[in-house]
């Protein structure tokens, strides 16, 4: 099995090559996921969050594996904000989509995904690096 796109770590024996997203604005994909692939000697390419659809169009993507910050009791999941676009594009291209999450992500008190609170990050994470503004004020 060839796994070509991944936002989280997958079993090394199955992964010939993975693509992982940068995962903005906090860059967990660039700082953590890509590092783990390199550490485990899994060939990986770090891609921009915004190039996911283009990647599906130009490459043979065999499967998608993503993480989940929260799983509702009915199986609905929530993850980083870019995961939804990956799921939509995977469905459009008929690519299998899998969620890999620890059991600690399951919240049996939440009945469905619409009830999962989505984390809202401060605007400053996108507009500043340290104290330096890098984007025009909105």
N, C-alpha and C. Protein backbone atom coordinates (compact mmCIF):
# COMPACT_ATOMS: atom_id res chain seq x y z
N UNK A 1 0.85 -1.18 0.00
CA UNK A 1 0.00 0.00 0.00
C UNK A 1 0.89 1.23 0.00
N UNK A 2 0.58 2.19 -0.82
CA UNK A 2 1.36 3.41 -0.90
C UNK A 2 0.53 4.56 -0.32
N UNK A 3 1.05 5.18 0.71
CA UNK A 3 0.37 6.33 1.32
C UNK A 3 1.08 7.57 0.79
N UNK A 4 0.36 8.43 0.11
CA UNK A 4 0.98 9.59 -0.50
C UNK A 4 0.65 10.92 0.16
N UNK A 5 -0.31 10.95 1.03
CA UNK A 5 -0.66 12.22 1.64
C UNK A 5 -1.01 11.96 3.07
N UNK A 6 -0.43 12.73 3.95
CA UNK A 6 -0.67 12.45 5.35
C UNK A 6 -0.52 13.72 6.16
N UNK A 7 -1.38 13.87 7.14
CA UNK A 7 -1.27 14.98 8.06
C UNK A 7 -0.83 14.47 9.42
N UNK A 8 -0.77 13.17 9.56
CA UNK A 8 -0.30 12.60 10.80
C UNK A 8 0.57 11.39 10.48
N UNK A 9 1.25 10.89 11.48
CA UNK A 9 2.18 9.77 11.28
C UNK A 9 1.41 8.48 10.98
N UNK A 10 1.85 7.74 9.99
CA UNK A 10 1.23 6.46 9.62
C UNK A 10 2.29 5.39 9.80
N UNK A 11 1.90 4.13 9.75
CA UNK A 11 2.82 3.03 9.96
C UNK A 11 3.93 3.03 8.90
N UNK A 12 5.19 3.09 9.32
CA UNK A 12 6.31 3.19 8.38
C UNK A 12 6.35 2.08 7.34
N UNK A 13 5.92 0.86 7.67
CA UNK A 13 5.98 -0.24 6.72
C UNK A 13 5.08 -0.02 5.50
N UNK A 14 4.06 0.81 5.64
CA UNK A 14 3.11 1.02 4.55
C UNK A 14 3.42 2.28 3.74
N UNK A 15 4.22 3.13 4.27
CA UNK A 15 4.41 4.45 3.66
C UNK A 15 5.67 4.49 2.80
N UNK A 16 5.49 4.48 1.48
CA UNK A 16 6.62 4.67 0.57
C UNK A 16 7.01 6.14 0.53
N UNK A 17 6.01 6.99 0.54
CA UNK A 17 6.24 8.43 0.51
C UNK A 17 4.99 9.12 1.04
N UNK A 18 5.18 10.16 1.81
CA UNK A 18 4.04 10.90 2.34
C UNK A 18 4.18 12.38 2.02
N UNK A 19 3.05 13.04 1.93
CA UNK A 19 3.01 14.49 1.84
C UNK A 19 2.35 14.96 3.12
N UNK A 20 2.97 15.88 3.81
CA UNK A 20 2.36 16.42 5.02
C UNK A 20 2.21 17.93 4.86
N UNK A 21 1.10 18.44 5.39
CA UNK A 21 0.84 19.87 5.27
C UNK A 21 1.57 20.63 6.38
N UNK A 22 1.80 21.91 6.11
CA UNK A 22 2.47 22.76 7.09
C UNK A 22 1.62 22.98 8.34
N UNK A 23 0.30 22.96 8.19
CA UNK A 23 -0.66 23.12 9.28
C UNK A 23 -0.55 24.48 9.95
N UNK A 24 -0.89 25.50 9.19
CA UNK A 24 -0.89 26.86 9.71
C UNK A 24 -2.09 27.12 10.60
N UNK A 25 -2.05 28.13 11.44
CA UNK A 25 -0.97 29.09 11.56
C UNK A 25 0.13 28.65 12.53
N UNK A 26 -0.05 27.56 13.23
CA UNK A 26 0.91 27.15 14.25
C UNK A 26 2.04 26.28 13.70
N UNK A 27 1.88 25.82 12.46
CA UNK A 27 2.92 25.04 11.76
C UNK A 27 3.27 23.71 12.43
N UNK A 28 2.28 23.04 13.01
CA UNK A 28 2.55 21.74 13.63
C UNK A 28 3.05 20.73 12.61
N UNK A 29 2.53 20.79 11.39
CA UNK A 29 2.97 19.85 10.36
C UNK A 29 4.43 20.05 10.01
N UNK A 30 4.84 21.31 9.90
CA UNK A 30 6.23 21.61 9.56
C UNK A 30 7.15 21.32 10.74
N UNK A 31 6.72 21.68 11.94
CA UNK A 31 7.59 21.54 13.11
C UNK A 31 7.59 20.13 13.69
N UNK A 32 6.45 19.42 13.62
CA UNK A 32 6.34 18.13 14.29
C UNK A 32 6.22 16.95 13.32
N UNK A 33 5.19 16.98 12.47
CA UNK A 33 4.92 15.84 11.60
C UNK A 33 6.08 15.56 10.66
N UNK A 34 6.54 16.57 9.95
CA UNK A 34 7.65 16.39 9.01
C UNK A 34 8.90 15.88 9.75
N UNK A 35 9.14 16.42 10.92
CA UNK A 35 10.28 15.98 11.73
C UNK A 35 10.19 14.48 12.05
N UNK A 36 8.99 14.02 12.44
CA UNK A 36 8.82 12.61 12.78
C UNK A 36 9.05 11.70 11.57
N UNK A 37 8.60 12.13 10.40
CA UNK A 37 8.84 11.32 9.21
C UNK A 37 10.34 11.22 8.92
N UNK A 38 11.04 12.33 9.01
CA UNK A 38 12.49 12.32 8.79
C UNK A 38 13.16 11.42 9.82
N UNK A 39 12.76 11.56 11.07
CA UNK A 39 13.33 10.75 12.15
C UNK A 39 13.12 9.26 11.89
N UNK A 40 11.94 8.89 11.37
CA UNK A 40 11.63 7.48 11.10
C UNK A 40 12.07 7.03 9.71
N UNK A 41 12.81 7.89 9.02
CA UNK A 41 13.34 7.59 7.69
C UNK A 41 12.25 7.25 6.67
N UNK A 42 11.13 7.97 6.76
CA UNK A 42 10.03 7.83 5.80
C UNK A 42 10.15 8.99 4.82
N UNK A 43 10.29 8.73 3.54
CA UNK A 43 10.38 9.83 2.57
C UNK A 43 9.13 10.71 2.65
N UNK A 44 9.35 12.00 2.82
CA UNK A 44 8.22 12.92 3.00
C UNK A 44 8.50 14.23 2.29
N UNK A 45 7.42 14.87 1.88
CA UNK A 45 7.48 16.20 1.29
C UNK A 45 6.53 17.10 2.06
N UNK A 46 7.04 18.21 2.55
CA UNK A 46 6.22 19.20 3.24
C UNK A 46 5.57 20.10 2.19
N UNK A 47 4.25 20.26 2.26
CA UNK A 47 3.53 21.08 1.28
C UNK A 47 2.73 22.16 1.99
N UNK A 48 2.44 23.22 1.24
CA UNK A 48 1.60 24.29 1.76
C UNK A 48 0.18 23.79 1.94
N UNK A 49 -0.50 24.27 2.97
CA UNK A 49 -1.90 23.91 3.18
C UNK A 49 -2.74 24.20 1.94
N UNK A 50 -2.42 25.29 1.28
CA UNK A 50 -3.23 25.75 0.14
C UNK A 50 -2.98 24.97 -1.15
N UNK A 51 -2.04 24.03 -1.16
CA UNK A 51 -1.78 23.30 -2.40
C UNK A 51 -2.34 21.88 -2.40
N UNK A 52 -3.17 21.55 -1.41
CA UNK A 52 -3.72 20.20 -1.29
C UNK A 52 -4.49 19.79 -2.54
N UNK A 53 -5.42 20.62 -3.00
CA UNK A 53 -6.24 20.26 -4.17
C UNK A 53 -5.37 20.04 -5.39
N UNK A 54 -4.40 20.90 -5.60
CA UNK A 54 -3.50 20.76 -6.74
C UNK A 54 -2.70 19.46 -6.65
N UNK A 55 -2.30 19.09 -5.46
CA UNK A 55 -1.55 17.86 -5.26
C UNK A 55 -2.39 16.64 -5.65
N UNK A 56 -3.65 16.64 -5.27
CA UNK A 56 -4.53 15.53 -5.66
C UNK A 56 -4.69 15.46 -7.18
N UNK A 57 -4.72 16.60 -7.82
CA UNK A 57 -4.90 16.63 -9.27
C UNK A 57 -3.64 16.15 -10.00
N UNK A 58 -2.47 16.49 -9.48
CA UNK A 58 -1.23 16.22 -10.21
C UNK A 58 -0.53 14.92 -9.80
N UNK A 59 -0.88 14.33 -8.69
CA UNK A 59 -0.21 13.13 -8.19
C UNK A 59 -1.22 12.00 -8.00
N UNK A 60 -0.71 10.79 -7.97
CA UNK A 60 -1.55 9.64 -7.65
C UNK A 60 -1.56 9.50 -6.13
N UNK A 61 -2.62 9.96 -5.51
CA UNK A 61 -2.75 9.88 -4.06
C UNK A 61 -3.52 8.61 -3.72
N UNK A 62 -2.92 7.74 -2.93
CA UNK A 62 -3.53 6.45 -2.62
C UNK A 62 -4.47 6.51 -1.43
N UNK A 63 -4.16 7.34 -0.45
CA UNK A 63 -4.98 7.42 0.75
C UNK A 63 -4.62 8.68 1.53
N UNK A 64 -5.53 9.08 2.39
CA UNK A 64 -5.31 10.21 3.28
C UNK A 64 -5.46 9.70 4.71
N UNK A 65 -4.54 10.09 5.57
CA UNK A 65 -4.64 9.77 7.00
C UNK A 65 -4.47 11.09 7.74
N UNK A 66 -5.45 11.43 8.58
CA UNK A 66 -5.38 12.66 9.37
C UNK A 66 -5.57 12.32 10.84
N UNK A 67 -5.23 13.25 11.68
CA UNK A 67 -5.48 13.10 13.10
C UNK A 67 -6.83 13.67 13.47
N UNK A 68 -7.16 13.61 14.75
CA UNK A 68 -8.39 14.21 15.25
C UNK A 68 -8.13 14.77 16.64
N UNK A 69 -8.49 16.04 16.81
CA UNK A 69 -8.39 16.65 18.14
C UNK A 69 -9.51 16.14 19.03
N UNK A 70 -10.68 15.89 18.41
CA UNK A 70 -11.84 15.44 19.17
C UNK A 70 -12.69 14.52 18.32
N UNK A 71 -13.25 13.49 18.93
CA UNK A 71 -14.17 12.57 18.26
C UNK A 71 -15.45 12.52 19.10
N UNK A 72 -16.59 12.82 18.46
CA UNK A 72 -17.88 12.78 19.15
C UNK A 72 -18.34 11.33 19.30
N UNK A 73 -19.33 11.11 20.15
CA UNK A 73 -19.79 9.74 20.41
C UNK A 73 -20.38 9.06 19.18
N UNK A 74 -20.85 9.85 18.19
CA UNK A 74 -21.40 9.25 16.96
C UNK A 74 -20.32 9.01 15.90
N UNK A 75 -19.06 9.36 16.21
CA UNK A 75 -17.97 9.14 15.26
C UNK A 75 -17.55 10.37 14.49
N UNK A 76 -18.32 11.47 14.58
CA UNK A 76 -17.90 12.72 13.93
C UNK A 76 -16.58 13.17 14.53
N UNK A 77 -15.75 13.80 13.71
CA UNK A 77 -14.44 14.23 14.19
C UNK A 77 -14.22 15.71 13.93
N UNK A 78 -13.31 16.28 14.69
CA UNK A 78 -12.85 17.65 14.46
C UNK A 78 -11.34 17.65 14.61
N UNK A 79 -10.69 18.38 13.73
CA UNK A 79 -9.24 18.48 13.75
C UNK A 79 -8.87 19.91 13.40
N UNK A 80 -7.66 20.12 12.94
CA UNK A 80 -7.24 21.46 12.53
C UNK A 80 -8.12 21.95 11.39
N UNK A 81 -8.21 23.24 11.24
CA UNK A 81 -9.15 23.84 10.29
C UNK A 81 -8.94 23.38 8.85
N UNK A 82 -7.73 23.05 8.45
CA UNK A 82 -7.47 22.63 7.08
C UNK A 82 -7.89 21.21 6.75
N UNK A 83 -8.26 20.44 7.77
CA UNK A 83 -8.63 19.04 7.54
C UNK A 83 -9.89 18.91 6.70
N UNK A 84 -10.83 19.81 6.88
CA UNK A 84 -12.09 19.74 6.13
C UNK A 84 -11.83 19.83 4.63
N UNK A 85 -10.99 20.78 4.22
CA UNK A 85 -10.71 20.90 2.78
C UNK A 85 -10.04 19.63 2.24
N UNK A 86 -9.20 19.00 3.04
CA UNK A 86 -8.56 17.76 2.60
C UNK A 86 -9.61 16.67 2.43
N UNK A 87 -10.55 16.59 3.36
CA UNK A 87 -11.62 15.58 3.28
C UNK A 87 -12.48 15.78 2.04
N UNK A 88 -12.83 17.03 1.75
CA UNK A 88 -13.67 17.33 0.58
C UNK A 88 -12.94 16.96 -0.71
N UNK A 89 -11.67 17.32 -0.80
CA UNK A 89 -10.89 17.02 -2.01
C UNK A 89 -10.69 15.50 -2.14
N UNK A 90 -10.45 14.82 -1.05
CA UNK A 90 -10.29 13.36 -1.10
C UNK A 90 -11.58 12.71 -1.60
N UNK A 91 -12.71 13.18 -1.10
CA UNK A 91 -13.99 12.61 -1.56
C UNK A 91 -14.19 12.88 -3.05
N UNK A 92 -13.88 14.09 -3.49
CA UNK A 92 -14.03 14.44 -4.90
C UNK A 92 -13.19 13.52 -5.80
N UNK A 93 -12.01 13.17 -5.34
CA UNK A 93 -11.10 12.33 -6.12
C UNK A 93 -11.24 10.84 -5.78
N UNK A 94 -12.24 10.49 -4.98
CA UNK A 94 -12.50 9.09 -4.59
C UNK A 94 -11.28 8.44 -3.94
N UNK A 95 -10.60 9.19 -3.09
CA UNK A 95 -9.43 8.69 -2.37
C UNK A 95 -9.86 8.32 -0.95
N UNK A 96 -9.52 7.13 -0.48
CA UNK A 96 -9.89 6.73 0.89
C UNK A 96 -9.36 7.73 1.92
N UNK A 97 -10.19 8.03 2.91
CA UNK A 97 -9.88 9.03 3.94
C UNK A 97 -10.00 8.36 5.30
N UNK A 98 -8.92 8.38 6.07
CA UNK A 98 -8.89 7.72 7.37
C UNK A 98 -8.55 8.72 8.47
N UNK A 99 -9.12 8.50 9.65
CA UNK A 99 -8.80 9.29 10.82
C UNK A 99 -8.09 8.39 11.82
N UNK A 100 -6.92 8.80 12.25
CA UNK A 100 -6.15 8.07 13.26
C UNK A 100 -6.08 8.94 14.50
N UNK A 101 -6.66 8.47 15.59
CA UNK A 101 -6.69 9.27 16.81
C UNK A 101 -6.60 8.37 18.03
N UNK A 102 -5.98 8.85 19.08
CA UNK A 102 -5.93 8.06 20.31
C UNK A 102 -7.31 8.02 20.97
N UNK A 103 -7.54 7.02 21.78
CA UNK A 103 -8.84 6.91 22.45
C UNK A 103 -9.13 8.10 23.35
N UNK A 104 -8.08 8.80 23.77
CA UNK A 104 -8.28 9.99 24.61
C UNK A 104 -8.94 11.14 23.85
N UNK A 105 -9.00 11.05 22.53
CA UNK A 105 -9.67 12.08 21.72
C UNK A 105 -11.19 11.89 21.70
N UNK A 106 -11.67 10.72 22.12
CA UNK A 106 -13.11 10.45 22.09
C UNK A 106 -13.78 11.12 23.29
N UNK A 107 -14.83 11.87 23.01
CA UNK A 107 -15.60 12.55 24.06
C UNK A 107 -17.03 12.05 23.99
N UNK A 108 -17.38 11.11 24.86
CA UNK A 108 -18.71 10.51 24.84
C UNK A 108 -19.80 11.47 25.31
N UNK A 109 -19.41 12.60 25.88
CA UNK A 109 -20.40 13.60 26.31
C UNK A 109 -20.84 14.49 25.15
N UNK A 110 -20.14 14.43 24.05
CA UNK A 110 -20.52 15.19 22.85
C UNK A 110 -21.20 14.22 21.89
N UNK A 111 -22.46 14.51 21.55
CA UNK A 111 -23.24 13.56 20.75
C UNK A 111 -22.90 13.59 19.27
N UNK A 112 -22.54 14.75 18.75
CA UNK A 112 -22.26 14.87 17.31
C UNK A 112 -21.27 15.99 17.05
N UNK A 113 -20.72 15.98 15.85
CA UNK A 113 -19.67 16.92 15.49
C UNK A 113 -20.05 18.38 15.57
N UNK A 114 -21.31 18.71 15.30
CA UNK A 114 -21.74 20.11 15.37
C UNK A 114 -21.63 20.68 16.78
N UNK A 115 -21.50 19.81 17.76
CA UNK A 115 -21.40 20.26 19.15
C UNK A 115 -19.94 20.36 19.63
N UNK A 116 -19.01 19.99 18.77
CA UNK A 116 -17.60 20.11 19.12
C UNK A 116 -17.19 21.57 18.99
N UNK A 117 -16.62 22.10 20.05
CA UNK A 117 -16.15 23.49 20.01
C UNK A 117 -14.86 23.55 19.20
N UNK A 118 -14.86 24.39 18.18
CA UNK A 118 -13.69 24.55 17.31
C UNK A 118 -12.80 25.66 17.87
N UNK A 119 -11.54 25.33 18.03
CA UNK A 119 -10.58 26.30 18.56
C UNK A 119 -10.44 27.48 17.61
N UNK A 120 -10.52 28.67 18.15
CA UNK A 120 -10.30 29.90 17.38
C UNK A 120 -8.96 30.47 17.81
N UNK A 121 -8.05 30.62 16.88
CA UNK A 121 -6.72 31.13 17.19
C UNK A 121 -6.69 32.65 17.02
N UNK A 122 -5.83 33.32 17.77
CA UNK A 122 -5.72 34.78 17.64
C UNK A 122 -5.24 35.19 16.24
N UNK A 123 -5.80 36.29 15.70
CA UNK A 123 -5.38 36.81 14.40
C UNK A 123 -3.87 37.06 14.35
N UNK A 124 -3.33 37.46 15.47
CA UNK A 124 -1.92 37.83 15.56
C UNK A 124 -0.99 36.69 15.09
N UNK A 125 -1.42 35.45 15.23
CA UNK A 125 -0.60 34.33 14.80
C UNK A 125 -0.34 34.35 13.30
N UNK A 126 -1.23 34.97 12.56
CA UNK A 126 -1.05 35.05 11.11
C UNK A 126 -0.46 36.38 10.67
N UNK A 127 -0.62 37.40 11.48
CA UNK A 127 -0.21 38.73 11.05
C UNK A 127 1.14 39.17 11.62
N UNK A 128 1.67 38.42 12.57
CA UNK A 128 2.92 38.81 13.22
C UNK A 128 3.88 37.64 13.36
N UNK A 129 5.16 37.95 13.35
CA UNK A 129 6.20 37.02 13.79
C UNK A 129 6.86 37.73 14.95
N UNK A 130 6.67 37.18 16.13
CA UNK A 130 7.13 37.88 17.32
C UNK A 130 6.40 39.20 17.44
N UNK A 131 7.13 40.27 17.55
CA UNK A 131 6.53 41.61 17.64
C UNK A 131 6.43 42.31 16.29
N UNK A 132 6.87 41.67 15.23
CA UNK A 132 6.92 42.29 13.91
C UNK A 132 5.69 41.92 13.07
N UNK A 133 4.98 42.95 12.63
CA UNK A 133 3.83 42.74 11.75
C UNK A 133 4.35 42.33 10.38
N UNK A 134 3.76 41.26 9.81
CA UNK A 134 4.16 40.79 8.49
C UNK A 134 3.03 40.85 7.49
N UNK A 135 1.85 41.30 7.94
CA UNK A 135 0.69 41.40 7.05
C UNK A 135 0.04 42.76 7.24
N UNK A 136 -0.57 43.26 6.20
CA UNK A 136 -1.26 44.55 6.28
C UNK A 136 -2.45 44.43 7.24
N UNK A 137 -2.74 45.51 7.96
CA UNK A 137 -3.92 45.48 8.83
C UNK A 137 -5.19 45.29 8.00
N UNK A 138 -6.12 44.53 8.53
CA UNK A 138 -7.38 44.28 7.81
C UNK A 138 -8.35 45.42 7.99
